Amino acid sequence: MKVAIVTDQPRAKFLPTEEGVVEDKQKLETIKSIKEVLSEQFNCIDLVFDDNIITKLKKEKVDLVFNLCNGIRGDSRLSQFPAILEYIGIPYTGSSPLGHALAYNKIYSCRLFKEAGVSTPKFTYVYDLEEVENLNITFPVLIKPNDEGSSRGIHEDSLVFNMKDLRKRVEKDLKVYNPPIMITEYIEGREFTVGVIGNGKNVNTLPILEVDFSDLPKHLNNFYSFEVKFHYADKTRFYVPARLKKKSKEKIEKTAIKAYNALGIKDYARVDIRLKDEDTPYVLEINSLPGLMKDHSDITKMAKACNLGYKGLIMNIVRNAVERYDLDKKMEYKIG
């Protein structure tokens, strides 16, 4: 069985900020780690999603794509490569174009969460700076791009407490990210993230990860900003499994799975949650293509906290895709 790990072209030339540079560095580390795992059982190659990707995949006679593509442009860029794979009929890991589009668009995902009875912060959004003047909101609020992940676009000054700072941050974001810009209720509470794996009725959670901000410097806010994630990781405590009472743990797990199914996510994802008043889990967002760096990504930390481990996580993702496409009936190989 031939597996191709496919990732994007360098993002830094399209997002010429520290965020783009960090994203590209993460990709290289992730490809190396995943290839080490998959090469133990498969003929494994790595390719770049560019204008020639269809030709390359057909020439290499790929049986399955391990999809790591975020896309480059557009408000549904996460869906672009899966759509191409469906068009040419090559199986792939992870969600469908629809699942990625819904998860990546935080406005649509939050609407679906509400419809499914999943608690999520109140929100509004603006396409231009003039719309800010007409907002009737209660501060503080968190400002973030509608279609980014891994804390891109969520900075320390994204949490604002007055209209002046709100206008300033929205103006800044409109210059860098696709409109609309999302403005959400800020939920006070402990922060958790949940790895969800599987499809259909066979969906399970990994050990819940708690992100503890209590040791951050005084000038930083207690949320997972880009600065905290990439510059103050040594000041952030991670508890896996999270420090939770049984009732709260079960509530968070149930909420994460419900949110996952509400968007029709496939194979794996990470659900970010805030627990308000130690009672109500609020889903902040779902990352339908979470980072898979061996030593640094949240979902890999969860996998290492149970008997799955990093290798088991990667092979589990492959197994889920193989079962969805019935590839196990067509080929002889063993997935550990």
Protein backbone atom coordinates (compact mmCIF):
# COMPACT_ATOMS: atom_id res chain seq x y z
CA MET A 1 0.00 0.00 0.00
CA LYS A 2 1.40 3.37 -1.00
CA VAL A 3 0.69 6.36 1.24
CA ALA A 4 1.49 9.94 0.31
CA ILE A 5 1.84 12.57 3.04
CA VAL A 6 0.74 15.79 1.36
CA THR A 7 1.25 19.26 2.76
CA ASP A 8 1.03 22.84 1.52
CA GLN A 9 3.42 25.11 -0.27
CA PRO A 10 5.25 27.44 2.14
CA ARG A 11 2.67 29.71 3.78
CA ALA A 12 5.12 32.46 4.67
CA LYS A 13 4.99 33.92 1.17
CA PHE A 14 1.21 34.29 1.51
CA LEU A 15 1.15 35.16 5.23
CA PRO A 16 4.41 37.13 5.65
CA THR A 17 4.30 37.28 9.44
CA GLU A 18 5.75 35.26 12.28
CA GLU A 19 2.62 33.10 12.09
CA GLY A 20 3.43 32.01 8.53
CA VAL A 21 7.05 31.22 9.42
CA VAL A 22 5.99 29.15 12.45
CA GLU A 23 3.41 27.27 10.40
CA ASP A 24 6.01 26.27 7.81
CA LYS A 25 8.44 25.08 10.47
CA GLN A 26 5.72 22.97 12.06
CA LYS A 27 4.94 21.33 8.72
CA LEU A 28 8.51 20.14 8.21
CA GLU A 29 8.69 18.64 11.71
CA THR A 30 5.31 16.95 11.29
CA ILE A 31 6.12 15.39 7.91
CA LYS A 32 9.33 13.90 9.28
CA SER A 33 7.64 12.36 12.34
CA ILE A 34 4.65 10.94 10.45
CA LYS A 35 6.85 9.51 7.71
CA GLU A 36 8.93 7.66 10.29
CA VAL A 37 5.79 5.98 11.61
CA LEU A 38 4.13 5.16 8.30
CA SER A 39 7.32 3.92 6.64
CA GLU A 40 7.40 1.00 9.06
CA GLN A 41 4.39 -0.56 7.31
CA PHE A 42 3.80 1.29 4.07
CA ASN A 43 5.58 2.56 1.02
CA CYS A 44 5.51 6.19 2.13
CA ILE A 45 6.33 9.35 0.19
CA ASP A 46 5.75 13.07 0.80
CA LEU A 47 4.44 15.56 -1.74
CA VAL A 48 3.56 19.25 -1.90
CA PHE A 49 0.09 20.48 -2.87
CA ASP A 50 0.80 22.62 -5.92
CA ASP A 51 -0.53 23.01 -9.47
CA ASN A 52 0.85 19.60 -10.44
CA ILE A 53 -0.53 17.58 -7.53
CA ILE A 54 -3.02 15.55 -9.59
CA THR A 55 -0.33 14.50 -12.05
CA LYS A 56 2.07 13.60 -9.23
CA LEU A 57 -0.49 11.51 -7.32
CA LYS A 58 -1.49 9.55 -10.43
CA LYS A 59 2.12 9.03 -11.50
CA GLU A 60 3.03 7.69 -8.05
CA LYS A 61 -0.09 5.44 -8.02
CA VAL A 62 -0.98 6.49 -4.48
CA ASP A 63 -3.51 4.34 -2.58
CA LEU A 64 -4.11 6.72 0.33
CA VAL A 65 -3.25 10.34 1.10
CA PHE A 66 -2.39 11.42 4.63
CA ASN A 67 -3.76 14.93 4.33
CA LEU A 68 -1.94 17.77 6.11
CA CYS A 69 -3.10 20.58 3.81
CA ASN A 70 -4.54 23.78 5.22
CA GLY A 71 -4.71 25.36 1.77
CA ILE A 72 -3.30 28.76 0.94
CA ARG A 73 -6.03 31.17 -0.14
CA GLY A 74 -9.77 31.65 0.29
CA ASP A 75 -12.33 31.28 3.05
CA SER A 76 -12.71 27.52 2.49
CA ARG A 77 -9.06 26.72 1.88
CA LEU A 78 -9.04 23.70 4.19
CA SER A 79 -11.54 22.06 1.84
CA GLN A 80 -9.61 22.61 -1.38
CA PHE A 81 -7.34 19.58 -1.35
CA PRO A 82 -9.93 17.06 -0.08
CA ALA A 83 -12.24 18.26 -2.89
CA ILE A 84 -9.50 17.57 -5.46
CA LEU A 85 -8.92 14.11 -3.99
CA GLU A 86 -12.62 13.30 -4.20
CA TYR A 87 -12.66 14.52 -7.80
CA ILE A 88 -9.84 12.15 -8.82
CA GLY A 89 -11.04 9.33 -6.55
CA ILE A 90 -8.10 8.95 -4.16
CA PRO A 91 -8.91 8.06 -0.52
CA TYR A 92 -7.57 10.37 2.19
CA THR A 93 -7.42 10.82 5.95
CA GLY A 94 -9.51 13.36 7.82
CA SER A 95 -12.71 15.20 7.14
CA SER A 96 -14.57 15.79 3.90
CA PRO A 97 -14.64 19.18 2.16
CA LEU A 98 -17.93 19.92 3.93
CA GLY A 99 -16.68 18.95 7.39
CA HIS A 100 -13.55 21.08 7.03
CA ALA A 101 -15.53 24.02 5.64
CA LEU A 102 -17.96 23.99 8.56
CA ALA A 103 -15.23 23.62 11.19
CA TYR A 104 -12.99 26.23 9.60
CA ASN A 105 -15.76 28.80 9.36
CA LYS A 106 -16.31 29.61 13.02
CA ILE A 107 -19.53 31.52 12.32
CA TYR A 108 -21.20 28.53 10.68
CA SER A 109 -19.82 26.05 13.20
CA CYS A 110 -21.10 28.10 16.14
CA ARG A 111 -24.54 28.30 14.53
CA LEU A 112 -24.58 24.52 14.16
CA PHE A 113 -23.41 24.05 17.75
CA LYS A 114 -26.35 26.12 18.98
CA GLU A 115 -28.75 24.16 16.80
CA ALA A 116 -27.38 20.89 18.21
CA GLY A 117 -27.78 22.12 21.79
CA VAL A 118 -24.05 22.60 22.36
CA SER A 119 -23.14 25.64 24.50
CA THR A 120 -20.90 28.11 22.67
CA PRO A 121 -20.07 31.80 23.31
CA LYS A 122 -22.36 34.51 21.94
CA PHE A 123 -20.87 36.14 18.86
CA THR A 124 -21.21 38.69 16.12
CA TYR A 125 -19.03 39.60 13.13
CA VAL A 126 -18.07 42.51 10.90
CA TYR A 127 -16.92 42.87 7.31
CA ASP A 128 -15.59 46.40 7.66
CA LEU A 129 -14.65 48.95 10.30
CA GLU A 130 -17.84 50.97 9.86
CA GLU A 131 -19.94 48.07 11.16
CA VAL A 132 -18.12 48.23 14.51
CA GLU A 133 -19.83 51.55 15.31
CA ASN A 134 -23.26 49.90 15.27
CA LEU A 135 -22.44 47.03 17.61
CA ASN A 136 -24.25 46.65 20.89
CA ILE A 137 -21.96 44.36 22.89
CA THR A 138 -20.86 43.75 26.45
CA PHE A 139 -17.13 43.85 27.15
CA PRO A 140 -14.76 42.09 27.42
CA VAL A 141 -14.85 40.40 24.01
CA LEU A 142 -12.37 38.29 22.07
CA ILE A 143 -11.64 39.21 18.45
CA LYS A 144 -10.46 36.52 16.06
CA PRO A 145 -10.36 35.60 12.37
CA ASN A 146 -13.29 33.58 11.14
CA ASP A 147 -11.10 31.07 9.32
CA GLU A 148 -7.73 30.48 10.98
CA GLY A 149 -6.39 27.85 13.38
CA SER A 150 -3.53 27.15 15.83
CA SER A 151 -4.06 30.54 17.53
CA ARG A 152 -3.19 32.43 14.32
CA GLY A 153 -4.84 35.82 14.60
CA ILE A 154 -5.54 35.46 18.31
CA HIS A 155 -3.09 37.70 20.14
CA GLU A 156 -2.86 39.33 23.54
CA ASP A 157 -4.54 42.48 22.27
CA SER A 158 -7.35 40.39 20.77
CA LEU A 159 -9.04 40.47 24.17
CA VAL A 160 -10.47 43.99 24.43
CA PHE A 161 -12.31 45.88 27.14
CA ASN A 162 -13.51 49.01 25.36
CA MET A 163 -14.68 50.33 21.99
CA LYS A 164 -11.43 52.13 21.18
CA ASP A 165 -9.35 48.94 21.44
CA LEU A 166 -12.04 47.00 19.62
CA ARG A 167 -11.84 49.31 16.60
CA LYS A 168 -8.04 49.19 16.66
CA ARG A 169 -7.86 45.39 16.69
CA VAL A 170 -10.58 44.90 14.07
CA GLU A 171 -8.86 47.36 11.74
CA LYS A 172 -5.59 45.45 12.17
CA ASP A 173 -7.20 42.06 11.51
CA LEU A 174 -9.05 43.23 8.41
CA LYS A 175 -5.69 44.04 6.81
CA VAL A 176 -4.33 40.53 7.34
CA TYR A 177 -7.19 38.01 7.40
CA ASN A 178 -10.23 37.18 5.33
CA PRO A 179 -13.37 39.03 6.41
CA PRO A 180 -15.55 38.74 8.35
CA ILE A 181 -13.78 39.24 11.67
CA MET A 182 -15.48 37.48 14.55
CA ILE A 183 -16.23 39.14 17.90
CA THR A 184 -17.14 36.68 20.65
CA GLU A 185 -18.23 36.71 24.26
CA TYR A 186 -15.26 36.03 26.54
CA ILE A 187 -15.95 33.01 28.72
CA GLU A 188 -14.22 33.10 32.10
CA GLY A 189 -13.21 29.65 33.23
CA ARG A 190 -10.73 26.82 32.97
CA GLU A 191 -9.55 25.84 29.49
CA PHE A 192 -9.51 22.33 28.08
CA THR A 193 -8.95 20.68 24.75
CA VAL A 194 -10.27 17.27 23.77
CA GLY A 195 -8.96 14.90 21.13
CA VAL A 196 -11.79 13.05 19.39
CA ILE A 197 -11.10 10.02 17.21
CA GLY A 198 -13.34 7.82 15.10
CA ASN A 199 -16.41 7.77 12.88
CA GLY A 200 -20.11 7.09 13.20
CA LYS A 201 -20.99 5.22 16.36
CA ASN A 202 -17.36 4.38 17.00
CA VAL A 203 -16.21 7.80 18.27
CA ASN A 204 -14.04 8.13 21.37
CA THR A 205 -12.13 10.82 23.25
CA LEU A 206 -8.50 10.88 24.28
CA PRO A 207 -7.54 11.94 27.81
CA ILE A 208 -8.66 15.55 28.26
CA LEU A 209 -5.86 18.12 28.29
CA GLU A 210 -6.12 21.08 30.66
CA VAL A 211 -4.22 24.26 29.81
CA ASP A 212 -3.28 26.09 33.02
CA PHE A 213 -2.32 29.75 32.66
CA SER A 214 -1.75 30.53 36.34
CA ASP A 215 2.06 30.84 35.95
CA LEU A 216 1.98 33.31 33.06
CA PRO A 217 3.57 36.74 33.55
CA LYS A 218 1.17 39.35 34.93
CA HIS A 219 0.98 41.28 31.64
CA LEU A 220 -0.50 38.30 29.79
CA ASN A 221 -4.16 37.33 29.68
CA ASN A 222 -5.38 33.88 30.68
CA PHE A 223 -6.20 32.47 27.27
CA TYR A 224 -4.37 30.53 24.56
CA SER A 225 -3.05 33.42 22.47
CA PHE A 226 -0.38 33.07 19.79
CA GLU A 227 2.14 34.62 22.20
CA VAL A 228 1.30 32.17 24.97
CA LYS A 229 1.35 29.14 22.68
CA PHE A 230 4.64 29.89 20.95
CA HIS A 231 6.61 32.17 23.29
CA TYR A 232 5.52 31.24 26.80
CA ALA A 233 5.07 27.49 26.52
CA ASP A 234 7.50 27.08 29.44
CA LYS A 235 5.13 29.16 31.58
CA THR A 236 2.07 27.16 30.58
CA ARG A 237 1.19 24.03 32.49
CA PHE A 238 -0.49 21.09 30.80
CA TYR A 239 -2.35 18.47 32.78
CA VAL A 240 -3.14 15.25 30.96
CA PRO A 241 -5.44 13.85 32.11
CA ALA A 242 -7.08 17.07 33.26
CA ARG A 243 -7.83 17.72 36.92
CA LEU A 244 -11.56 17.11 36.78
CA LYS A 245 -14.26 15.53 38.87
CA LYS A 246 -15.99 12.60 37.21
CA LYS A 247 -19.18 14.56 36.47
CA SER A 248 -17.32 17.46 34.83
CA LYS A 249 -15.12 15.07 32.84
CA GLU A 250 -18.15 13.23 31.48
CA LYS A 251 -19.86 16.52 30.58
CA ILE A 252 -16.83 17.73 28.63
CA GLU A 253 -16.39 14.42 26.78
CA LYS A 254 -20.10 14.28 25.88
CA THR A 255 -20.04 17.90 24.68
CA ALA A 256 -16.90 17.34 22.56
CA ILE A 257 -18.38 14.30 20.81
CA LYS A 258 -21.69 16.10 20.25
CA ALA A 259 -19.89 19.06 18.66
CA TYR A 260 -17.74 16.71 16.53
CA ASN A 261 -20.82 14.91 15.19
CA ALA A 262 -22.73 18.18 14.66
CA LEU A 263 -20.20 19.18 12.00
CA GLY A 264 -19.83 15.72 10.47
CA ILE A 265 -16.10 15.53 11.23
CA LYS A 266 -14.20 12.42 10.11
CA ASP A 267 -11.34 10.36 11.59
CA TYR A 268 -9.98 12.86 14.16
CA ALA A 269 -10.16 16.42 15.47
CA ARG A 270 -9.49 18.58 18.50
CA VAL A 271 -12.28 20.38 20.35
CA ASP A 272 -11.41 23.47 22.42
CA ILE A 273 -13.59 24.05 25.47
CA ARG A 274 -13.94 26.46 28.37
CA LEU A 275 -15.66 25.26 31.54
CA LYS A 276 -17.79 28.07 32.96
CA ASP A 277 -18.53 28.06 36.72
CA GLU A 278 -17.05 24.53 36.93
CA ASP A 279 -20.32 23.32 35.41
CA THR A 280 -21.05 24.24 31.78
CA PRO A 281 -18.67 23.31 28.93
CA TYR A 282 -18.60 25.95 26.17
CA VAL A 283 -17.20 24.83 22.83
CA LEU A 284 -14.92 27.56 21.48
CA GLU A 285 -14.12 25.86 18.19
CA ILE A 286 -13.17 22.59 16.50
CA ASN A 287 -9.87 22.13 14.72
CA SER A 288 -10.67 19.53 12.05
CA LEU A 289 -6.99 19.30 11.06
CA PRO A 290 -5.11 19.67 14.36
CA GLY A 291 -1.35 19.81 14.54
CA LEU A 292 0.44 16.46 14.72
CA MET A 293 3.93 17.48 15.82
CA LYS A 294 5.36 14.61 17.79
CA ASP A 295 6.42 16.52 20.90
CA HIS A 296 4.50 19.79 20.84
CA SER A 297 0.94 19.42 19.55
CA ASP A 298 -1.93 19.15 22.02
CA ILE A 299 -3.52 16.05 20.51
CA THR A 300 -0.20 14.18 20.52
CA LYS A 301 0.23 15.02 24.23
CA MET A 302 -3.17 13.42 24.84
CA ALA A 303 -2.20 10.31 22.88
CA LYS A 304 0.99 9.96 24.92
CA ALA A 305 -1.06 10.13 28.13
CA CYS A 306 -2.77 6.84 27.31
CA ASN A 307 -1.70 3.55 25.77
CA LEU A 308 -2.05 4.94 22.24
CA GLY A 309 1.15 6.99 22.04
CA TYR A 310 2.26 8.97 18.99
CA LYS A 311 2.68 5.96 16.74
CA GLY A 312 -0.71 4.63 17.78
CA LEU A 313 -2.37 7.98 17.07
CA ILE A 314 -0.99 8.18 13.53
CA MET A 315 -1.86 4.57 12.77
CA ASN A 316 -5.33 5.04 14.28
CA ILE A 317 -5.97 7.95 11.91
CA VAL A 318 -4.92 5.76 8.99
CA ARG A 319 -7.07 2.89 10.26
CA ASN A 320 -10.14 5.12 10.45
CA ALA A 321 -9.66 6.22 6.84
CA VAL A 322 -8.97 2.67 5.66
CA GLU A 323 -12.21 1.45 7.23
CA ARG A 324 -14.25 4.30 5.74
CA TYR A 325 -13.03 3.44 2.24
CA ASP A 326 -13.08 -0.36 2.75
CA LEU A 327 -9.43 -0.47 1.75
CA ASP A 328 -8.81 -3.30 4.19
CA LYS A 329 -10.90 -5.56 1.97
CA LYS A 330 -8.85 -4.71 -1.10
CA MET A 331 -5.32 -4.92 0.26
CA GLU A 332 -3.32 -7.12 2.57
CA TYR A 333 -1.41 -5.28 5.26
CA LYS A 334 -1.44 -4.90 8.97
CA ILE A 335 -2.21 -1.74 10.91
CA GLY A 336 -0.92 -2.15 14.44
